C-alpha atoms as a PDB file:
ATOM      1  CA  MET A   1     116.247 108.258 104.828  1.00  0.00           C
ATOM      2  CA  GLU A   2     115.651 104.557 104.350  1.00  0.00           C
ATOM      3  CA  PHE A   3     115.988 101.859 106.945  1.00  0.00           C
ATOM      4  CA  THR A   4     117.389  98.494 105.816  1.00  0.00           C
ATOM      5  CA  HIS A   5     117.580  95.290 107.945  1.00  0.00           C
ATOM      6  CA  ARG A   6     118.824  91.749 106.998  1.00  0.00           C
ATOM      7  CA  LEU A   7     116.398  89.084 108.065  1.00  0.00           C
ATOM      8  CA  GLU A   8     118.182  86.772 110.496  1.00  0.00           C
ATOM      9  CA  LEU A   9     116.266  83.668 109.499  1.00  0.00           C
ATOM     10  CA  PHE A  10     116.755  84.536 105.841  1.00  0.00           C
ATOM     11  CA  PRO A  11     120.180  86.186 105.500  1.00  0.00           C
ATOM     12  CA  ASP A  12     119.953  86.449 101.709  1.00  0.00           C
ATOM     13  CA  CYS A  13     116.967  88.834 102.279  1.00  0.00           C
ATOM     14  CA  THR A  14     116.989  92.391 103.259  1.00  0.00           C
ATOM     15  CA  VAL A  15     113.957  94.534 104.192  1.00  0.00           C
ATOM     16  CA  THR A  16     114.010  98.240 103.325  1.00  0.00           C
ATOM     17  CA  ILE A  17     111.508 100.664 104.734  1.00  0.00           C
ATOM     18  CA  LEU A  18     110.890 104.093 103.199  1.00  0.00           C
ATOM     19  CA  LEU A  19     108.619 106.604 104.818  1.00  0.00           C
ATOM     20  CA  PHE A  20     106.933 109.494 102.992  1.00  0.00           C
ATOM     21  CA  ASN A  21     104.846 112.292 104.157  1.00  0.00           C
ATOM     22  CA  HIS A  22     102.813 114.968 102.415  1.00  0.00           C
ATOM     23  CA  VAL A  23     102.041 112.471  99.644  1.00  0.00           C
ATOM     24  CA  LYS A  24      99.890 113.897  96.823  1.00  0.00           C
ATOM     25  CA  ASN A  25      99.562 110.809  94.578  1.00  0.00           C
ATOM     26  CA  ALA A  26      98.381 108.015  96.940  1.00  0.00           C
ATOM     27  CA  ALA A  27      95.579 107.037  94.474  1.00  0.00           C
ATOM     28  CA  ALA A  28      98.124 106.668  91.635  1.00  0.00           C
ATOM     29  CA  LEU A  29     100.515 104.665  93.878  1.00  0.00           C
ATOM     30  CA  ARG A  30      97.728 102.437  95.112  1.00  0.00           C
ATOM     31  CA  LYS A  31      96.740 101.696  91.425  1.00  0.00           C
ATOM     32  CA  LYS A  32     100.352 100.898  90.573  1.00  0.00           C
ATOM     33  CA  ALA A  33     100.578  98.556  93.507  1.00  0.00           C
ATOM     34  CA  MET A  34      97.410  96.662  92.435  1.00  0.00           C
ATOM     35  CA  GLU A  35      98.771  96.388  88.903  1.00  0.00           C
ATOM     36  CA  GLY A  36     102.171  95.200  90.196  1.00  0.00           C
ATOM     37  CA  SER A  37     103.997  97.985  88.524  1.00  0.00           C
ATOM     38  CA  ILE A  38     105.634  99.373  91.632  1.00  0.00           C
ATOM     39  CA  GLU A  39     107.988  97.329  93.840  1.00  0.00           C
ATOM     40  CA  GLY A  40     107.138  97.040  97.593  1.00  0.00           C
ATOM     41  CA  ALA A  41     104.218  96.819  99.903  1.00  0.00           C
ATOM     42  CA  LEU A  42     102.421 100.215 100.336  1.00  0.00           C
ATOM     43  CA  ILE A  43     101.287 100.520 104.001  1.00  0.00           C
ATOM     44  CA  ASN A  44      99.350 103.129 105.916  1.00  0.00           C
ATOM     45  CA  PRO A  45     101.811 104.387 108.577  1.00  0.00           C
ATOM     46  CA  ALA A  46      98.865 105.331 110.879  1.00  0.00           C
ATOM     47  CA  MET A  47      98.609 101.665 111.681  1.00  0.00           C
ATOM     48  CA  ILE A  48     102.333 101.049 112.513  1.00  0.00           C
ATOM     49  CA  VAL A  49     103.795 101.838 115.936  1.00  0.00           C
ATOM     50  CA  ASP A  50     107.313 100.731 115.300  1.00  0.00           C
ATOM     51  CA  PRO A  51     109.501  99.461 112.401  1.00  0.00           C
ATOM     52  CA  PHE A  52     109.858  96.160 114.227  1.00  0.00           C
ATOM     53  CA  GLN A  53     106.152  95.602 113.462  1.00  0.00           C
ATOM     54  CA  ILE A  54     106.999  95.694 109.752  1.00  0.00           C
ATOM     55  CA  LEU A  55     110.044  93.383 110.210  1.00  0.00           C
ATOM     56  CA  VAL A  56     107.897  90.777 111.897  1.00  0.00           C
ATOM     57  CA  ALA A  57     105.356  90.888 109.030  1.00  0.00           C
ATOM     58  CA  ALA A  58     108.044  90.811 106.344  1.00  0.00           C
ATOM     59  CA  ASN A  59     109.832  87.865 108.044  1.00  0.00           C
ATOM     60  CA  LYS A  60     106.546  85.911 108.287  1.00  0.00           C
ATOM     61  CA  ALA A  61     105.702  86.679 104.731  1.00  0.00           C
ATOM     62  CA  VAL A  62     109.139  85.564 103.397  1.00  0.00           C
ATOM     63  CA  HIS A  63     108.861  82.364 105.441  1.00  0.00           C
ATOM     64  CA  LEU A  64     105.431  81.568 104.030  1.00  0.00           C
ATOM     65  CA  HIS A  65     106.608  82.459 100.582  1.00  0.00           C
ATOM     66  CA  ARG A  66     109.598  80.076 100.818  1.00  0.00           C
ATOM     67  CA  ILE A  67     107.519  77.155 102.079  1.00  0.00           C
ATOM     68  CA  GLY A  68     104.721  77.846  99.511  1.00  0.00           C
ATOM     69  CA  LYS A  69     102.020  78.564 102.112  1.00  0.00           C
ATOM     70  CA  MET A  70     101.089  82.186 101.358  1.00  0.00           C
ATOM     71  CA  LYS A  71      97.450  83.129 101.700  1.00  0.00           C
ATOM     72  CA  THR A  72      97.780  85.964  99.215  1.00  0.00           C
ATOM     73  CA  ARG A  73      99.067  86.096  95.639  1.00  0.00           C
ATOM     74  CA  THR A  74     102.313  88.154  96.119  1.00  0.00           C
ATOM     75  CA  LEU A  75     104.944  88.709  98.714  1.00  0.00           C
ATOM     76  CA  ASN A  76     104.002  92.360  99.088  1.00  0.00           C
ATOM     77  CA  ALA A  77     100.343  91.403  99.716  1.00  0.00           C
ATOM     78  CA  GLU A  78     101.377  88.791 102.273  1.00  0.00           C
ATOM     79  CA  ILE A  79     103.355  91.525 104.117  1.00  0.00           C
ATOM     80  CA  ILE A  80     100.180  93.651 104.417  1.00  0.00           C
ATOM     81  CA  PHE A  81      98.133  90.600 105.354  1.00  0.00           C
ATOM     82  CA  SER A  82     100.694  89.576 107.997  1.00  0.00           C
ATOM     83  CA  LEU A  83     100.183  92.839 109.824  1.00  0.00           C
ATOM     84  CA  SER A  84      96.591  92.084 110.417  1.00  0.00           C
ATOM     85  CA  PRO A  85      95.396  90.440 113.694  1.00  0.00           C
ATOM     86  CA  ASN A  86      92.605  88.512 111.859  1.00  0.00           C
ATOM     87  CA  ASN A  87      92.443  86.241 108.752  1.00  0.00           C
ATOM     88  CA  ASN A  88      90.388  88.491 106.538  1.00  0.00           C
ATOM     89  CA  ILE A  89      92.551  89.472 103.629  1.00  0.00           C
ATOM     90  CA  SER A  90      90.232  92.291 102.241  1.00  0.00           C
ATOM     91  CA  ASP A  91      89.964  93.740 105.796  1.00  0.00           C
ATOM     92  CA  ALA A  92      93.813  93.702 106.087  1.00  0.00           C
ATOM     93  CA  PHE A  93      94.095  95.688 102.858  1.00  0.00           C
ATOM     94  CA  LYS A  94      91.444  98.219 103.946  1.00  0.00           C
ATOM     95  CA  LYS A  95      93.034  98.714 107.384  1.00  0.00           C
ATOM     96  CA  PHE A  96      96.780  98.487 106.590  1.00  0.00           C
ATOM     97  CA  GLY A  97      97.090  99.176 102.896  1.00  0.00           C
ATOM     98  CA  ILE A  98      96.977 102.733 101.682  1.00  0.00           C
ATOM     99  CA  SER A  99      93.798 104.540 100.533  1.00  0.00           C
ATOM    100  CA  ASP A 100      93.367 107.036  97.796  1.00  0.00           C
ATOM    101  CA  SER A 101      93.233 109.949 100.316  1.00  0.00           C
ATOM    102  CA  ASP A 102      96.288 109.066 102.452  1.00  0.00           C
ATOM    103  CA  THR A 103      98.976 111.673 102.761  1.00  0.00           C
ATOM    104  CA  ALA A 104     101.587 109.451 104.277  1.00  0.00           C
ATOM    105  CA  VAL A 105     102.899 106.164 102.894  1.00  0.00           C
ATOM    106  CA  LEU A 106     105.260 103.454 104.108  1.00  0.00           C
ATOM    107  CA  ILE A 107     106.910 101.394 101.395  1.00  0.00           C
ATOM    108  CA  VAL A 108     108.375  98.114 102.332  1.00  0.00           C
ATOM    109  CA  LEU A 109     110.760  96.259  99.962  1.00  0.00           C
ATOM    110  CA  VAL A 110     111.980  92.707 100.488  1.00  0.00           C
ATOM    111  CA  VAL A 111     115.141  92.291  98.380  1.00  0.00           C
ATOM    112  CA  ASP A 112     116.827  89.022  97.581  1.00  0.00           C
ATOM    113  CA  LYS A 113     120.561  89.014  97.259  1.00  0.00           C
ATOM    114  CA  GLY A 114     120.444  88.005  93.650  1.00  0.00           C
ATOM    115  CA  LYS A 115     118.027  90.723  92.339  1.00  0.00           C
ATOM    116  CA  PRO A 116     118.786  94.336  93.149  1.00  0.00           C
ATOM    117  CA  VAL A 117     116.032  97.004  93.351  1.00  0.00           C
ATOM    118  CA  ASN A 118     116.432 100.558  92.208  1.00  0.00           C
ATOM    119  CA  LEU A 119     115.379 102.662  95.246  1.00  0.00           C
ATOM    120  CA  GLY A 120     115.741 105.832  93.206  1.00  0.00           C
ATOM    121  CA  ASP A 121     113.074 104.540  90.732  1.00  0.00           C
ATOM    122  CA  ILE A 122     110.665 103.838  93.604  1.00  0.00           C
ATOM    123  CA  VAL A 123     111.356 107.171  95.334  1.00  0.00           C
ATOM    124  CA  SER A 124     110.825 109.091  91.988  1.00  0.00           C
ATOM    125  CA  GLN A 125     107.250 107.612  91.717  1.00  0.00           C
ATOM    126  CA  VAL A 126     106.181 109.088  95.017  1.00  0.00           C
ATOM    127  CA  GLU A 127     104.995 112.761  94.977  1.00  0.00           C
ATOM    128  CA  GLY A 128     105.793 113.398  98.522  1.00  0.00           C
ATOM    129  CA  GLN A 129     108.492 114.220 101.118  1.00  0.00           C
ATOM    130  CA  PRO A 130     110.939 111.317 102.102  1.00  0.00           C
ATOM    131  CA  VAL A 131     111.205 111.490 105.894  1.00  0.00           C
ATOM    132  CA  SER A 132     113.079 109.623 108.608  1.00  0.00           C
ATOM    133  CA  LEU A 133     111.436 106.678 110.338  1.00  0.00           C
ATOM    134  CA  ASN A 134     111.992 108.682 113.537  1.00  0.00           C
ATOM    135  CA  GLU A 135     108.884 110.608 112.446  1.00  0.00           C
ATOM    136  CA  LEU A 136     106.719 107.517 112.354  1.00  0.00           C
ATOM    137  CA  PRO A 137     105.269 108.054 115.888  1.00  0.00           C
ATOM    138  CA  GLN A 138     103.825 111.436 114.751  1.00  0.00           C
ATOM    139  CA  LEU A 139     101.991 109.613 111.950  1.00  0.00           C
ATOM    140  CA  THR A 140     100.693 106.715 114.089  1.00  0.00           C
ATOM    141  CA  ASP A 141      97.052 106.747 115.193  1.00  0.00           C
ATOM    142  CA  THR A 142      97.516 105.001 118.504  1.00  0.00           C
ATOM    143  CA  ASP A 143      93.852 104.852 119.434  1.00  0.00           C
ATOM    144  CA  ARG A 144      92.976 103.245 116.045  1.00  0.00           C
ATOM    145  CA  VAL A 145      95.799 100.821 116.452  1.00  0.00           C
ATOM    146  CA  LYS A 146      94.648  99.789 119.948  1.00  0.00           C
ATOM    147  CA  LYS A 147      91.094  99.287 118.703  1.00  0.00           C
ATOM    148  CA  MET A 148      92.194  97.193 115.656  1.00  0.00           C
ATOM    149  CA  TYR A 149      94.292  94.870 117.767  1.00  0.00           C
ATOM    150  CA  LYS A 150      91.803  94.932 120.639  1.00  0.00           C
ATOM    151  CA  ILE A 151      94.481  96.009 123.228  1.00  0.00           C
ATOM    152  CA  THR A 152      93.040  96.228 126.829  1.00  0.00           C
ATOM    153  CA  PRO A 153      94.213  98.686 129.457  1.00  0.00           C
ATOM    154  CA  GLN A 154      95.201  95.789 131.628  1.00  0.00           C
ATOM    155  CA  GLU A 155      97.459  94.470 128.847  1.00  0.00           C
ATOM    156  CA  GLU A 156      99.088  97.844 128.420  1.00  0.00           C
ATOM    157  CA  LYS A 157     100.024  97.846 132.103  1.00  0.00           C
ATOM    158  CA  LEU A 158     101.836  94.460 131.680  1.00  0.00           C
ATOM    159  CA  GLY A 159     103.860  95.179 128.512  1.00  0.00           C
ATOM    160  CA  THR A 160     104.256  97.652 125.700  1.00  0.00           C
ATOM    161  CA  LEU A 161     101.913  98.349 122.823  1.00  0.00           C
ATOM    162  CA  LEU A 162     104.430  96.840 120.393  1.00  0.00           C
ATOM    163  CA  ASP A 163     104.594  93.635 122.442  1.00  0.00           C
ATOM    164  CA  SER A 164     100.824  93.236 122.269  1.00  0.00           C
ATOM    165  CA  ILE A 165     100.713  93.858 118.564  1.00  0.00           C
ATOM    166  CA  VAL A 166     103.451  91.497 117.672  1.00  0.00           C
ATOM    167  CA  CYS A 167     101.860  88.844 119.810  1.00  0.00           C
ATOM    168  CA  ARG A 168      98.568  89.210 117.925  1.00  0.00           C
ATOM    169  CA  MET A 169     100.251  89.158 114.543  1.00  0.00           C
ATOM    170  CA  SER A 170     102.329  86.048 115.378  1.00  0.00           C
ATOM    171  CA  THR A 171      99.439  84.038 116.851  1.00  0.00           C
ATOM    172  CA  LYS A 172      96.572  84.769 114.517  1.00  0.00           C
ATOM    173  CA  ASP A 173      97.115  81.474 112.649  1.00  0.00           C
ATOM    174  CA  VAL A 174      97.124  79.476 115.744  1.00  0.00           C
ATOM    175  CA  ILE A 175      93.943  80.898 117.544  1.00  0.00           C
END
């Protein structure tokens, strides 16, 4: 069910992505995330078009964490912030974090080689159905994503939606 990928630039780190649907306790999960009592970044899958989008955000967050330049307090918060095309932290949490009424949740874990994480413990806290990441496209709100990232029809003709999103995420600190 989960997808795990080793970060190329940080080979001692892996990123694990878990997708849940029909979630009944999003409010409780959100509260636990704000308290720091649940491992991982809790993300609204409606705003994610591909797992690569998550990997780019996680890679950027780990890099900023390692060099001490994070704009948020935690690595998990930095992952959510890195998904955003702008520099407004609270806006990033509203758009990419989960809300109390969400019925689907993506959990992203960054695991260092030295400290293992109990996936079973995390899965047991979610009152929902673990599903394959292959089901992500059915949960994505493509129109909302295009609006959030300001993707133009001309841009869509030149490349993929994912290409445009990753470009926005990667260049937000430069522009």
